[in-house]
Amino acid sequence: PAPVENQPVTPFMILEGVSSSRPEFLDFIAFSIFVDTPKAE
């Protein structure tokens, strides 16, 4: 993959992916969403 270069910092930003609300990130996260989908799907 190419480097991500100069990605703008915006007033709201989204951290997306498995473990994005892990305990180590909680001091940085203002709001968390969990997408609940059956594992088979």
ModelCIF file with pLDDT and N, C-alpha, C, O atoms, coordinates in Angstrom:
data_MODEL
#
_entry.id   MODEL 
#
_entity.id                         1 
_entity.type                       polymer 
_entity.pdbx_number_of_molecules   1 
#
_entity_poly.entity_id                      1 
_entity_poly.type                           'polypeptide(L)' 
_entity_poly.nstd_linkage                   no 
_entity_poly.nstd_monomer                   no 
_entity_poly.pdbx_seq_one_letter_code       PAPVENQPVTPFMILEGVSSSRPEFLDFIAFSIFVDTPKAE 
_entity_poly.pdbx_seq_one_letter_code_can   PAPVENQPVTPFMILEGVSSSRPEFLDFIAFSIFVDTPKAE 
_entity_poly.pdbx_strand_id                 A 
#
loop_
_entity_poly_seq.entity_id 
_entity_poly_seq.num 
_entity_poly_seq.mon_id 
_entity_poly_seq.hetero 
1 1  PRO n 
1 2  ALA n 
1 3  PRO n 
1 4  VAL n 
1 5  GLU n 
1 6  ASN n 
1 7  GLN n 
1 8  PRO n 
1 9  VAL n 
1 10 THR n 
1 11 PRO n 
1 12 PHE n 
1 13 MET n 
1 14 ILE n 
1 15 LEU n 
1 16 GLU n 
1 17 GLY n 
1 18 VAL n 
1 19 SER n 
1 20 SER n 
1 21 SER n 
1 22 ARG n 
1 23 PRO n 
1 24 GLU n 
1 25 PHE n 
1 26 LEU n 
1 27 ASP n 
1 28 PHE n 
1 29 ILE n 
1 30 ALA n 
1 31 PHE n 
1 32 SER n 
1 33 ILE n 
1 34 PHE n 
1 35 VAL n 
1 36 ASP n 
1 37 THR n 
1 38 PRO n 
1 39 LYS n 
1 40 ALA n 
1 41 GLU n 
#
_struct_asym.id          A 
_struct_asym.entity_id   1 
#
loop_
_ma_qa_metric.id 
_ma_qa_metric.mode 
_ma_qa_metric.name 
_ma_qa_metric.software_group_id 
_ma_qa_metric.type 
1 global pLDDT . pLDDT 
2 local  pLDDT . pLDDT 
#
_ma_qa_metric_global.metric_id      1 
_ma_qa_metric_global.metric_value   94.05 
_ma_qa_metric_global.model_id       1 
_ma_qa_metric_global.ordinal_id     1 
#
loop_
_ma_qa_metric_local.label_asym_id 
_ma_qa_metric_local.label_comp_id 
_ma_qa_metric_local.label_seq_id 
_ma_qa_metric_local.metric_id 
_ma_qa_metric_local.metric_value 
_ma_qa_metric_local.model_id 
_ma_qa_metric_local.ordinal_id 
A PRO 1  2 80.00 1 1  
A ALA 2  2 87.00 1 2  
A PRO 3  2 89.00 1 3  
A VAL 4  2 88.00 1 4  
A GLU 5  2 91.00 1 5  
A ASN 6  2 94.00 1 6  
A GLN 7  2 96.00 1 7  
A PRO 8  2 97.00 1 8  
A VAL 9  2 97.00 1 9  
A THR 10 2 97.00 1 10 
A PRO 11 2 95.00 1 11 
A PHE 12 2 95.00 1 12 
A MET 13 2 97.00 1 13 
A ILE 14 2 98.00 1 14 
A LEU 15 2 97.00 1 15 
A GLU 16 2 97.00 1 16 
A GLY 17 2 94.00 1 17 
A VAL 18 2 91.00 1 18 
A SER 19 2 92.00 1 19 
A SER 20 2 94.00 1 20 
A SER 21 2 94.00 1 21 
A ARG 22 2 93.00 1 22 
A PRO 23 2 93.00 1 23 
A GLU 24 2 93.00 1 24 
A PHE 25 2 94.00 1 25 
A LEU 26 2 91.00 1 26 
A ASP 27 2 93.00 1 27 
A PHE 28 2 96.00 1 28 
A ILE 29 2 95.00 1 29 
A ALA 30 2 94.00 1 30 
A PHE 31 2 94.00 1 31 
A SER 32 2 95.00 1 32 
A ILE 33 2 96.00 1 33 
A PHE 34 2 97.00 1 34 
A VAL 35 2 97.00 1 35 
A ASP 36 2 97.00 1 36 
A THR 37 2 97.00 1 37 
A PRO 38 2 97.00 1 38 
A LYS 39 2 94.00 1 39 
A ALA 40 2 94.00 1 40 
A GLU 41 2 96.00 1 41 
#
loop_
_atom_site.group_PDB 
_atom_site.id 
_atom_site.type_symbol 
_atom_site.label_atom_id 
_atom_site.label_alt_id 
_atom_site.label_comp_id 
_atom_site.label_asym_id 
_atom_site.label_entity_id 
_atom_site.label_seq_id 
_atom_site.pdbx_PDB_ins_code 
_atom_site.Cartn_x 
_atom_site.Cartn_y 
_atom_site.Cartn_z 
_atom_site.occupancy 
_atom_site.B_iso_or_equiv 
_atom_site.pdbx_formal_charge 
_atom_site.auth_seq_id 
_atom_site.auth_comp_id 
_atom_site.auth_asym_id 
_atom_site.auth_atom_id 
_atom_site.pdbx_PDB_model_num 
ATOM 1   N N  . PRO A 1 1  ? 0.818   -1.218  0.000  1.00 80.00 ? 1  PRO A N  1 
ATOM 2   C CA . PRO A 1 1  ? 0.000   0.000   0.000  1.00 80.00 ? 1  PRO A CA 1 
ATOM 3   C C  . PRO A 1 1  ? 0.852   1.268   0.000  1.00 80.00 ? 1  PRO A C  1 
ATOM 4   O O  . PRO A 1 1  ? 1.920   1.330   0.608  1.00 80.00 ? 1  PRO A O  1 
ATOM 5   N N  . ALA A 1 2  ? 0.345   2.260   -0.695 1.00 87.00 ? 2  ALA A N  1 
ATOM 6   C CA . ALA A 1 2  ? 1.013   3.566   -0.714 1.00 87.00 ? 2  ALA A CA 1 
ATOM 7   C C  . ALA A 1 2  ? 0.824   4.238   0.640  1.00 87.00 ? 2  ALA A C  1 
ATOM 8   O O  . ALA A 1 2  ? -0.156  3.968   1.334  1.00 87.00 ? 2  ALA A O  1 
ATOM 9   N N  . PRO A 1 3  ? 1.748   5.105   1.018  1.00 89.00 ? 3  PRO A N  1 
ATOM 10  C CA . PRO A 1 3  ? 1.567   5.845   2.274  1.00 89.00 ? 3  PRO A CA 1 
ATOM 11  C C  . PRO A 1 3  ? 0.317   6.729   2.209  1.00 89.00 ? 3  PRO A C  1 
ATOM 12  O O  . PRO A 1 3  ? -0.060  7.224   1.147  1.00 89.00 ? 3  PRO A O  1 
ATOM 13  N N  . VAL A 1 4  ? -0.299  6.908   3.350  1.00 88.00 ? 4  VAL A N  1 
ATOM 14  C CA . VAL A 1 4  ? -1.354  7.909   3.479  1.00 88.00 ? 4  VAL A CA 1 
ATOM 15  C C  . VAL A 1 4  ? -0.618  9.198   3.815  1.00 88.00 ? 4  VAL A C  1 
ATOM 16  O O  . VAL A 1 4  ? 0.022   9.304   4.862  1.00 88.00 ? 4  VAL A O  1 
ATOM 17  N N  . GLU A 1 5  ? -0.713  10.169  2.928  1.00 91.00 ? 5  GLU A N  1 
ATOM 18  C CA . GLU A 1 5  ? 0.040   11.406  3.106  1.00 91.00 ? 5  GLU A CA 1 
ATOM 19  C C  . GLU A 1 5  ? -0.884  12.602  3.220  1.00 91.00 ? 5  GLU A C  1 
ATOM 20  O O  . GLU A 1 5  ? -1.786  12.791  2.403  1.00 91.00 ? 5  GLU A O  1 
ATOM 21  N N  . ASN A 1 6  ? -0.646  13.404  4.245  1.00 94.00 ? 6  ASN A N  1 
ATOM 22  C CA . ASN A 1 6  ? -1.373  14.651  4.453  1.00 94.00 ? 6  ASN A CA 1 
ATOM 23  C C  . ASN A 1 6  ? -2.885  14.456  4.493  1.00 94.00 ? 6  ASN A C  1 
ATOM 24  O O  . ASN A 1 6  ? -3.633  15.224  3.889  1.00 94.00 ? 6  ASN A O  1 
ATOM 25  N N  . GLN A 1 7  ? -3.330  13.421  5.210  1.00 96.00 ? 7  GLN A N  1 
ATOM 26  C CA . GLN A 1 7  ? -4.764  13.245  5.396  1.00 96.00 ? 7  GLN A CA 1 
ATOM 27  C C  . GLN A 1 7  ? -5.262  14.386  6.283  1.00 96.00 ? 7  GLN A C  1 
ATOM 28  O O  . GLN A 1 7  ? -4.740  14.587  7.380  1.00 96.00 ? 7  GLN A O  1 
ATOM 29  N N  . PRO A 1 8  ? -6.261  15.132  5.823  1.00 97.00 ? 8  PRO A N  1 
ATOM 30  C CA . PRO A 1 8  ? -6.723  16.278  6.614  1.00 97.00 ? 8  PRO A CA 1 
ATOM 31  C C  . PRO A 1 8  ? -7.285  15.868  7.969  1.00 97.00 ? 8  PRO A C  1 
ATOM 32  O O  . PRO A 1 8  ? -7.908  14.816  8.111  1.00 97.00 ? 8  PRO A O  1 
ATOM 33  N N  . VAL A 1 9  ? -7.054  16.708  8.942  1.00 97.00 ? 9  VAL A N  1 
ATOM 34  C CA . VAL A 1 9  ? -7.682  16.555  10.252 1.00 97.00 ? 9  VAL A CA 1 
ATOM 35  C C  . VAL A 1 9  ? -8.962  17.375  10.210 1.00 97.00 ? 9  VAL A C  1 
ATOM 36  O O  . VAL A 1 9  ? -8.937  18.568  9.909  1.00 97.00 ? 9  VAL A O  1 
ATOM 37  N N  . THR A 1 10 ? -10.077 16.729  10.512 1.00 97.00 ? 10 THR A N  1 
ATOM 38  C CA . THR A 1 10 ? -11.384 17.368  10.439 1.00 97.00 ? 10 THR A CA 1 
ATOM 39  C C  . THR A 1 10 ? -11.991 17.469  11.845 1.00 97.00 ? 10 THR A C  1 
ATOM 40  O O  . THR A 1 10 ? -11.543 16.769  12.753 1.00 97.00 ? 10 THR A O  1 
ATOM 41  N N  . PRO A 1 11 ? -13.000 18.325  12.040 1.00 95.00 ? 11 PRO A N  1 
ATOM 42  C CA . PRO A 1 11 ? -13.600 18.461  13.368 1.00 95.00 ? 11 PRO A CA 1 
ATOM 43  C C  . PRO A 1 11 ? -14.137 17.151  13.935 1.00 95.00 ? 11 PRO A C  1 
ATOM 44  O O  . PRO A 1 11 ? -14.035 16.901  15.136 1.00 95.00 ? 11 PRO A O  1 
ATOM 45  N N  . PHE A 1 12 ? -14.710 16.312  13.065 1.00 95.00 ? 12 PHE A N  1 
ATOM 46  C CA . PHE A 1 12 ? -15.104 14.962  13.445 1.00 95.00 ? 12 PHE A CA 1 
ATOM 47  C C  . PHE A 1 12 ? -14.254 14.006  12.619 1.00 95.00 ? 12 PHE A C  1 
ATOM 48  O O  . PHE A 1 12 ? -14.058 14.216  11.423 1.00 95.00 ? 12 PHE A O  1 
ATOM 49  N N  . MET A 1 13 ? -13.754 12.957  13.260 1.00 97.00 ? 13 MET A N  1 
ATOM 50  C CA . MET A 1 13 ? -13.020 11.916  12.544 1.00 97.00 ? 13 MET A CA 1 
ATOM 51  C C  . MET A 1 13 ? -13.538 10.566  13.001 1.00 97.00 ? 13 MET A C  1 
ATOM 52  O O  . MET A 1 13 ? -14.013 10.413  14.127 1.00 97.00 ? 13 MET A O  1 
ATOM 53  N N  . ILE A 1 14 ? -13.439 9.581   12.103 1.00 98.00 ? 14 ILE A N  1 
ATOM 54  C CA . ILE A 1 14 ? -13.956 8.246   12.368 1.00 98.00 ? 14 ILE A CA 1 
ATOM 55  C C  . ILE A 1 14 ? -12.796 7.259   12.413 1.00 98.00 ? 14 ILE A C  1 
ATOM 56  O O  . ILE A 1 14 ? -11.978 7.200   11.495 1.00 98.00 ? 14 ILE A O  1 
ATOM 57  N N  . LEU A 1 15 ? -12.738 6.493   13.488 1.00 97.00 ? 15 LEU A N  1 
ATOM 58  C CA . LEU A 1 15 ? -11.801 5.379   13.607 1.00 97.00 ? 15 LEU A CA 1 
ATOM 59  C C  . LEU A 1 15 ? -12.622 4.123   13.398 1.00 97.00 ? 15 LEU A C  1 
ATOM 60  O O  . LEU A 1 15 ? -13.469 3.782   14.224 1.00 97.00 ? 15 LEU A O  1 
ATOM 61  N N  . GLU A 1 16 ? -12.371 3.429   12.283 1.00 97.00 ? 16 GLU A N  1 
ATOM 62  C CA . GLU A 1 16 ? -13.224 2.325   11.861 1.00 97.00 ? 16 GLU A CA 1 
ATOM 63  C C  . GLU A 1 16 ? -12.447 1.034   11.811 1.00 97.00 ? 16 GLU A C  1 
ATOM 64  O O  . GLU A 1 16 ? -11.365 0.976   11.227 1.00 97.00 ? 16 GLU A O  1 
ATOM 65  N N  . GLY A 1 17 ? -12.998 -0.017  12.428 1.00 94.00 ? 17 GLY A N  1 
ATOM 66  C CA . GLY A 1 17 ? -12.401 -1.333  12.316 1.00 94.00 ? 17 GLY A CA 1 
ATOM 67  C C  . GLY A 1 17 ? -12.523 -2.137  13.597 1.00 94.00 ? 17 GLY A C  1 
ATOM 68  O O  . GLY A 1 17 ? -12.878 -1.617  14.655 1.00 94.00 ? 17 GLY A O  1 
ATOM 69  N N  . VAL A 1 18 ? -12.215 -3.427  13.468 1.00 91.00 ? 18 VAL A N  1 
ATOM 70  C CA . VAL A 1 18 ? -12.258 -4.317  14.627 1.00 91.00 ? 18 VAL A CA 1 
ATOM 71  C C  . VAL A 1 18 ? -11.294 -3.789  15.685 1.00 91.00 ? 18 VAL A C  1 
ATOM 72  O O  . VAL A 1 18 ? -10.114 -3.574  15.407 1.00 91.00 ? 18 VAL A O  1 
ATOM 73  N N  . SER A 1 19 ? -11.784 -3.588  16.854 1.00 92.00 ? 19 SER A N  1 
ATOM 74  C CA . SER A 1 19 ? -11.076 -3.112  18.048 1.00 92.00 ? 19 SER A CA 1 
ATOM 75  C C  . SER A 1 19 ? -10.860 -1.610  18.062 1.00 92.00 ? 19 SER A C  1 
ATOM 76  O O  . SER A 1 19 ? -9.989  -1.126  18.785 1.00 92.00 ? 19 SER A O  1 
ATOM 77  N N  . SER A 1 20 ? -11.626 -0.861  17.285 1.00 94.00 ? 20 SER A N  1 
ATOM 78  C CA . SER A 1 20 ? -11.482 0.601   17.286 1.00 94.00 ? 20 SER A CA 1 
ATOM 79  C C  . SER A 1 20 ? -11.951 1.239   18.591 1.00 94.00 ? 20 SER A C  1 
ATOM 80  O O  . SER A 1 20 ? -11.653 2.404   18.854 1.00 94.00 ? 20 SER A O  1 
ATOM 81  N N  . SER A 1 21 ? -12.677 0.489   19.401 1.00 94.00 ? 21 SER A N  1 
ATOM 82  C CA . SER A 1 21 ? -13.080 1.028   20.706 1.00 94.00 ? 21 SER A CA 1 
ATOM 83  C C  . SER A 1 21 ? -12.386 0.274   21.841 1.00 94.00 ? 21 SER A C  1 
ATOM 84  O O  . SER A 1 21 ? -12.925 0.148   22.941 1.00 94.00 ? 21 SER A O  1 
ATOM 85  N N  . ARG A 1 22 ? -11.188 -0.219  21.557 1.00 93.00 ? 22 ARG A N  1 
ATOM 86  C CA . ARG A 1 22 ? -10.402 -0.955  22.551 1.00 93.00 ? 22 ARG A CA 1 
ATOM 87  C C  . ARG A 1 22 ? -10.102 -0.050  23.758 1.00 93.00 ? 22 ARG A C  1 
ATOM 88  O O  . ARG A 1 22 ? -10.075 1.173   23.614 1.00 93.00 ? 22 ARG A O  1 
ATOM 89  N N  . PRO A 1 23 ? -9.880  -0.630  24.931 1.00 93.00 ? 23 PRO A N  1 
ATOM 90  C CA . PRO A 1 23 ? -9.651  0.172   26.139 1.00 93.00 ? 23 PRO A CA 1 
ATOM 91  C C  . PRO A 1 23 ? -8.533  1.207   25.991 1.00 93.00 ? 23 PRO A C  1 
ATOM 92  O O  . PRO A 1 23 ? -8.625  2.296   26.558 1.00 93.00 ? 23 PRO A O  1 
ATOM 93  N N  . GLU A 1 24 ? -7.490  0.885   25.245 1.00 93.00 ? 24 GLU A N  1 
ATOM 94  C CA . GLU A 1 24 ? -6.369  1.813   25.083 1.00 93.00 ? 24 GLU A CA 1 
ATOM 95  C C  . GLU A 1 24 ? -6.749  3.083   24.327 1.00 93.00 ? 24 GLU A C  1 
ATOM 96  O O  . GLU A 1 24 ? -6.021  4.074   24.383 1.00 93.00 ? 24 GLU A O  1 
ATOM 97  N N  . PHE A 1 25 ? -7.872  3.064   23.626 1.00 94.00 ? 25 PHE A N  1 
ATOM 98  C CA . PHE A 1 25 ? -8.313  4.228   22.846 1.00 94.00 ? 25 PHE A CA 1 
ATOM 99  C C  . PHE A 1 25 ? -9.391  5.053   23.551 1.00 94.00 ? 25 PHE A C  1 
ATOM 100 O O  . PHE A 1 25 ? -9.748  6.128   23.071 1.00 94.00 ? 25 PHE A O  1 
ATOM 101 N N  . LEU A 1 26 ? -9.907  4.578   24.662 1.00 91.00 ? 26 LEU A N  1 
ATOM 102 C CA . LEU A 1 26 ? -11.080 5.210   25.259 1.00 91.00 ? 26 LEU A CA 1 
ATOM 103 C C  . LEU A 1 26 ? -10.884 6.680   25.622 1.00 91.00 ? 26 LEU A C  1 
ATOM 104 O O  . LEU A 1 26 ? -11.838 7.455   25.557 1.00 91.00 ? 26 LEU A O  1 
ATOM 105 N N  . ASP A 1 27 ? -9.684  7.077   25.998 1.00 93.00 ? 27 ASP A N  1 
ATOM 106 C CA . ASP A 1 27 ? -9.449  8.483   26.327 1.00 93.00 ? 27 ASP A CA 1 
ATOM 107 C C  . ASP A 1 27 ? -9.513  9.383   25.093 1.00 93.00 ? 27 ASP A C  1 
ATOM 108 O O  . ASP A 1 27 ? -9.589  10.605  25.218 1.00 93.00 ? 27 ASP A O  1 
ATOM 109 N N  . PHE A 1 28 ? -9.482  8.782   23.902 1.00 96.00 ? 28 PHE A N  1 
ATOM 110 C CA . PHE A 1 28 ? -9.475  9.547   22.661 1.00 96.00 ? 28 PHE A CA 1 
ATOM 111 C C  . PHE A 1 28 ? -10.822 9.521   21.935 1.00 96.00 ? 28 PHE A C  1 
ATOM 112 O O  . PHE A 1 28 ? -11.030 10.292  20.998 1.00 96.00 ? 28 PHE A O  1 
ATOM 113 N N  . ILE A 1 29 ? -11.725 8.657   22.349 1.00 95.00 ? 29 ILE A N  1 
ATOM 114 C CA . ILE A 1 29 ? -12.989 8.430   21.642 1.00 95.00 ? 29 ILE A CA 1 
ATOM 115 C C  . ILE A 1 29 ? -14.127 9.169   22.349 1.00 95.00 ? 29 ILE A C  1 
ATOM 116 O O  . ILE A 1 29 ? -14.351 8.989   23.546 1.00 95.00 ? 29 ILE A O  1 
ATOM 117 N N  . ALA A 1 30 ? -14.840 10.003  21.590 1.00 94.00 ? 30 ALA A N  1 
ATOM 118 C CA . ALA A 1 30 ? -15.968 10.743  22.157 1.00 94.00 ? 30 ALA A CA 1 
ATOM 119 C C  . ALA A 1 30 ? -17.270 9.950   22.089 1.00 94.00 ? 30 ALA A C  1 
ATOM 120 O O  . ALA A 1 30 ? -18.168 10.152  22.906 1.00 94.00 ? 30 ALA A O  1 
ATOM 121 N N  . PHE A 1 31 ? -17.372 9.039   21.105 1.00 94.00 ? 31 PHE A N  1 
ATOM 122 C CA . PHE A 1 31 ? -18.620 8.295   20.905 1.00 94.00 ? 31 PHE A CA 1 
ATOM 123 C C  . PHE A 1 31 ? -18.285 6.999   20.188 1.00 94.00 ? 31 PHE A C  1 
ATOM 124 O O  . PHE A 1 31 ? -17.500 7.001   19.240 1.00 94.00 ? 31 PHE A O  1 
ATOM 125 N N  . SER A 1 32 ? -18.873 5.891   20.630 1.00 95.00 ? 32 SER A N  1 
ATOM 126 C CA . SER A 1 32 ? -18.575 4.606   19.992 1.00 95.00 ? 32 SER A CA 1 
ATOM 127 C C  . SER A 1 32 ? -19.854 3.920   19.506 1.00 95.00 ? 32 SER A C  1 
ATOM 128 O O  . SER A 1 32 ? -20.893 3.938   20.166 1.00 95.00 ? 32 SER A O  1 
ATOM 129 N N  . ILE A 1 33 ? -19.730 3.322   18.334 1.00 96.00 ? 33 ILE A N  1 
ATOM 130 C CA . ILE A 1 33 ? -20.822 2.546   17.731 1.00 96.00 ? 33 ILE A CA 1 
ATOM 131 C C  . ILE A 1 33 ? -20.331 1.112   17.572 1.00 96.00 ? 33 ILE A C  1 
ATOM 132 O O  . ILE A 1 33 ? -19.188 0.878   17.180 1.00 96.00 ? 33 ILE A O  1 
ATOM 133 N N  . PHE A 1 34 ? -21.197 0.163   17.878 1.00 97.00 ? 34 PHE A N  1 
ATOM 134 C CA . PHE A 1 34 ? -20.912 -1.243  17.619 1.00 97.00 ? 34 PHE A CA 1 
ATOM 135 C C  . PHE A 1 34 ? -21.887 -1.725  16.556 1.00 97.00 ? 34 PHE A C  1 
ATOM 136 O O  . PHE A 1 34 ? -23.101 -1.591  16.716 1.00 97.00 ? 34 PHE A O  1 
ATOM 137 N N  . VAL A 1 35 ? -21.358 -2.289  15.463 1.00 97.00 ? 35 VAL A N  1 
ATOM 138 C CA . VAL A 1 35 ? -22.196 -2.836  14.394 1.00 97.00 ? 35 VAL A CA 1 
ATOM 139 C C  . VAL A 1 35 ? -22.385 -4.321  14.689 1.00 97.00 ? 35 VAL A C  1 
ATOM 140 O O  . VAL A 1 35 ? -21.444 -5.110  14.606 1.00 97.00 ? 35 VAL A O  1 
ATOM 141 N N  . ASP A 1 36 ? -23.606 -4.683  15.031 1.00 97.00 ? 36 ASP A N  1 
ATOM 142 C CA . ASP A 1 36 ? -23.939 -6.034  15.462 1.00 97.00 ? 36 ASP A CA 1 
ATOM 143 C C  . ASP A 1 36 ? -24.504 -6.822  14.287 1.00 97.00 ? 36 ASP A C  1 
ATOM 144 O O  . ASP A 1 36 ? -25.598 -6.539  13.798 1.00 97.00 ? 36 ASP A O  1 
ATOM 145 N N  . THR A 1 37 ? -23.740 -7.812  13.845 1.00 97.00 ? 37 THR A N  1 
ATOM 146 C CA . THR A 1 37 ? -24.116 -8.644  12.706 1.00 97.00 ? 37 THR A CA 1 
ATOM 147 C C  . THR A 1 37 ? -23.791 -10.091 13.059 1.00 97.00 ? 37 THR A C  1 
ATOM 148 O O  . THR A 1 37 ? -22.726 -10.358 13.615 1.00 97.00 ? 37 THR A O  1 
ATOM 149 N N  . PRO A 1 38 ? -24.691 -11.041 12.748 1.00 97.00 ? 38 PRO A N  1 
ATOM 150 C CA . PRO A 1 38 ? -24.387 -12.445 13.057 1.00 97.00 ? 38 PRO A CA 1 
ATOM 151 C C  . PRO A 1 38 ? -23.064 -12.895 12.434 1.00 97.00 ? 38 PRO A C  1 
ATOM 152 O O  . PRO A 1 38 ? -22.746 -12.531 11.302 1.00 97.00 ? 38 PRO A O  1 
ATOM 153 N N  . LYS A 1 39 ? -22.301 -13.687 13.184 1.00 94.00 ? 39 LYS A N  1 
ATOM 154 C CA . LYS A 1 39 ? -20.976 -14.108 12.717 1.00 94.00 ? 39 LYS A CA 1 
ATOM 155 C C  . LYS A 1 39 ? -21.031 -14.867 11.393 1.00 94.00 ? 39 LYS A C  1 
ATOM 156 O O  . LYS A 1 39 ? -20.131 -14.725 10.566 1.00 94.00 ? 39 LYS A O  1 
ATOM 157 N N  . ALA A 1 40 ? -22.070 -15.668 11.181 1.00 94.00 ? 40 ALA A N  1 
ATOM 158 C CA . ALA A 1 40 ? -22.178 -16.407 9.918  1.00 94.00 ? 40 ALA A CA 1 
ATOM 159 C C  . ALA A 1 40 ? -22.293 -15.439 8.741  1.00 94.00 ? 40 ALA A C  1 
ATOM 160 O O  . ALA A 1 40 ? -21.717 -15.676 7.679  1.00 94.00 ? 40 ALA A O  1 
ATOM 161 N N  . GLU A 1 41 ? -23.025 -14.366 8.929  1.00 96.00 ? 41 GLU A N  1 
ATOM 162 C CA . GLU A 1 41 ? -23.155 -13.358 7.867  1.00 96.00 ? 41 GLU A CA 1 
ATOM 163 C C  . GLU A 1 41 ? -21.844 -12.601 7.678  1.00 96.00 ? 41 GLU A C  1 
ATOM 164 O O  . GLU A 1 41 ? -21.759 -11.714 6.828  1.00 96.00 ? 41 GLU A O  1 
#
